[in-house]
Amino acid sequence: MNLVQEKTIELLKNCVIEGNADQAKKAAEDVLRTGSDPMIAFRDGLISAMSIVGEKMATGEMFVTQVMLSADAMKSAMEVLKPRIANRGFREIMRGTIVIGSAQGDIHDIGKNIVATMLEASGFEIHDMGTDVPATKFVDQAEAVKADIIASSALLSTTQTYQQELIEELKNRKVRNLYKVMVGGGIVTKEWADAIGADGYGKDAAEAVKIATMLVKDRQALGAPSVQ
């Protein structure tokens, strides 16, 4: 990669961090025009940028509105790069596949949407099930898309019990070992996550990205387990 290509990718990275969607799209077009590898641009430009955004969010240097602008900029650039990557196997460079939704009975989705956006902007393939998602639908979708992680959000004490039901559903189908389960939401604590046997808990979007990354690495290190 020559100096011009390095500079275009660095510009792309900065545009995403700054949350400038128009400039990010233009920078992505310049990446292709200069002959840069779109997969490298995705990794060193977009993913690297969103990692920095996540860190800044965790330390309070960036707020939710700024993070969402960065995510929009990332998506604008991705629209340019993805067609070129798709021909070479887009899914191969994704960090992992996540099915996410609000637990049964829970219609709140603001926090869940922020987490889903951050996960997608950080390189995960996201299948958002929306709100009021029964345990059976979570598992059906995870099986359909061959997910790595199932993520359930709950804001109310009356709905967090369905996170436990999700894990029980996986056990009943004898596929608990096939998926990592993440839980979060306003009412959820690490103690609750541990008590129900979840694999991870994120108190906010930045932490959710870190936990999801760790869980996928752990799963890949063990290899894709077979149904017991």
Foldseek 3Di string as FASTA:
>chain_A
DDPQLVVLLQQLQVCLLQLPQVSNLVSLVVNVVVPHDLLCSCVSRQLVSLLVVLVCCVVVVDDLVSNVSSLNSLVSSCVSSVVVCVVVPLPVSALWEEEEEEFAPDQDCPQVVSLQSSLVSNRYHYDYPHYRDALVNQVVVCVVVVGAEYEYEYADPVGVVRLLVNCVVCVVVQNNVQYAYEYEYNVDDVVNCVVSVHRYYDDHNSRSNVSVSVSSVVCVVVPRDDRD
